[in-house]
Amino acid sequence: MISRVANRLRLAWAFLRTLVGDDAYDRYRAHQLSCHPGEPPLDRKAHYLLRQQEKWSGVSRCC
């Protein structure tokens, strides 16, 4: 019973992290290791800055 509750809490926490983007670096590292194993990965700070630059660069309004 307790392990079932703990498992559901773990799944809920993982879903919440994905929903708010908190696991973006973890997902990036998993992708990097599986698809680009020879390339050095970005560190957390560089990854964050790159994503912020991608998010806020360019036109973000209609007028």
C-alpha atoms as a PDB file:
ATOM      1  CA  MET A   1       0.000   0.000   0.000  1.00  0.00           C
ATOM      2  CA  ILE A   2       2.724   2.482   0.997  1.00  0.00           C
ATOM      3  CA  SER A   3       4.858   1.629  -2.025  1.00  0.00           C
ATOM      4  CA  ARG A   4       1.862   2.173  -4.305  1.00  0.00           C
ATOM      5  CA  VAL A   5       1.262   5.612  -2.774  1.00  0.00           C
ATOM      6  CA  ALA A   6       4.949   6.452  -2.991  1.00  0.00           C
ATOM      7  CA  ASN A   7       4.987   5.411  -6.650  1.00  0.00           C
ATOM      8  CA  ARG A   8       1.970   7.610  -7.433  1.00  0.00           C
ATOM      9  CA  LEU A   9       3.587  10.545  -5.640  1.00  0.00           C
ATOM     10  CA  ARG A  10       6.772   9.991  -7.626  1.00  0.00           C
ATOM     11  CA  LEU A  11       4.792   9.947 -10.884  1.00  0.00           C
ATOM     12  CA  ALA A  12       2.864  13.069  -9.885  1.00  0.00           C
ATOM     13  CA  TRP A  13       6.133  14.847  -9.049  1.00  0.00           C
ATOM     14  CA  ALA A  14       7.644  13.842 -12.404  1.00  0.00           C
ATOM     15  CA  PHE A  15       4.527  15.084 -14.223  1.00  0.00           C
ATOM     16  CA  LEU A  16       4.609  18.387 -12.353  1.00  0.00           C
ATOM     17  CA  ARG A  17       8.307  18.883 -13.161  1.00  0.00           C
ATOM     18  CA  THR A  18       7.588  18.258 -16.847  1.00  0.00           C
ATOM     19  CA  LEU A  19       4.573  20.549 -16.796  1.00  0.00           C
ATOM     20  CA  VAL A  20       6.530  23.534 -15.475  1.00  0.00           C
ATOM     21  CA  GLY A  21       9.741  22.747 -17.397  1.00  0.00           C
ATOM     22  CA  ASP A  22      11.860  21.967 -14.365  1.00  0.00           C
ATOM     23  CA  ASP A  23      13.163  18.761 -15.962  1.00  0.00           C
ATOM     24  CA  ALA A  24      14.262  20.427 -19.217  1.00  0.00           C
ATOM     25  CA  TYR A  25      17.954  19.945 -18.495  1.00  0.00           C
ATOM     26  CA  ASP A  26      17.437  16.294 -17.530  1.00  0.00           C
ATOM     27  CA  ARG A  27      15.552  15.674 -20.783  1.00  0.00           C
ATOM     28  CA  TYR A  28      18.269  17.527 -22.723  1.00  0.00           C
ATOM     29  CA  ARG A  29      20.994  15.342 -21.166  1.00  0.00           C
ATOM     30  CA  ALA A  30      19.071  12.137 -21.951  1.00  0.00           C
ATOM     31  CA  HIS A  31      18.645  13.269 -25.574  1.00  0.00           C
ATOM     32  CA  GLN A  32      22.286  14.349 -25.788  1.00  0.00           C
ATOM     33  CA  LEU A  33      23.544  10.995 -24.538  1.00  0.00           C
ATOM     34  CA  SER A  34      21.302   8.940 -26.815  1.00  0.00           C
ATOM     35  CA  CYS A  35      21.514  10.963 -30.046  1.00  0.00           C
ATOM     36  CA  HIS A  36      24.850  12.797 -29.818  1.00  0.00           C
ATOM     37  CA  PRO A  37      27.158  10.682 -27.636  1.00  0.00           C
ATOM     38  CA  GLY A  38      30.407  12.144 -28.981  1.00  0.00           C
ATOM     39  CA  GLU A  39      29.530  15.793 -28.405  1.00  0.00           C
ATOM     40  CA  PRO A  40      30.172  17.470 -25.053  1.00  0.00           C
ATOM     41  CA  PRO A  41      26.920  18.538 -23.358  1.00  0.00           C
ATOM     42  CA  LEU A  42      26.181  22.034 -22.132  1.00  0.00           C
ATOM     43  CA  ASP A  43      26.273  22.647 -18.410  1.00  0.00           C
ATOM     44  CA  ARG A  44      23.076  23.688 -16.605  1.00  0.00           C
ATOM     45  CA  LYS A  45      23.802  27.411 -16.767  1.00  0.00           C
ATOM     46  CA  ALA A  46      24.681  27.399 -20.478  1.00  0.00           C
ATOM     47  CA  HIS A  47      21.586  25.314 -21.232  1.00  0.00           C
ATOM     48  CA  TYR A  48      19.373  27.722 -19.282  1.00  0.00           C
ATOM     49  CA  LEU A  49      20.846  30.791 -21.004  1.00  0.00           C
ATOM     50  CA  LEU A  50      20.463  29.206 -24.441  1.00  0.00           C
ATOM     51  CA  ARG A  51      16.803  28.358 -23.793  1.00  0.00           C
ATOM     52  CA  GLN A  52      16.111  31.873 -22.497  1.00  0.00           C
ATOM     53  CA  GLN A  53      17.739  33.380 -25.573  1.00  0.00           C
ATOM     54  CA  GLU A  54      15.668  31.125 -27.858  1.00  0.00           C
ATOM     55  CA  LYS A  55      12.508  31.954 -25.942  1.00  0.00           C
ATOM     56  CA  TRP A  56      12.888  35.741 -25.921  1.00  0.00           C
ATOM     57  CA  SER A  57      14.643  36.486 -29.222  1.00  0.00           C
ATOM     58  CA  GLY A  58      12.726  37.538 -32.277  1.00  0.00           C
ATOM     59  CA  VAL A  59       9.361  39.230 -32.637  1.00  0.00           C
ATOM     60  CA  SER A  60       6.996  38.279 -29.851  1.00  0.00           C
ATOM     61  CA  ARG A  61       4.112  40.595 -30.574  1.00  0.00           C
ATOM     62  CA  CYS A  62       1.799  41.317 -33.463  1.00  0.00           C
ATOM     63  CA  CYS A  63       2.338  45.097 -33.830  1.00  0.00           C
END
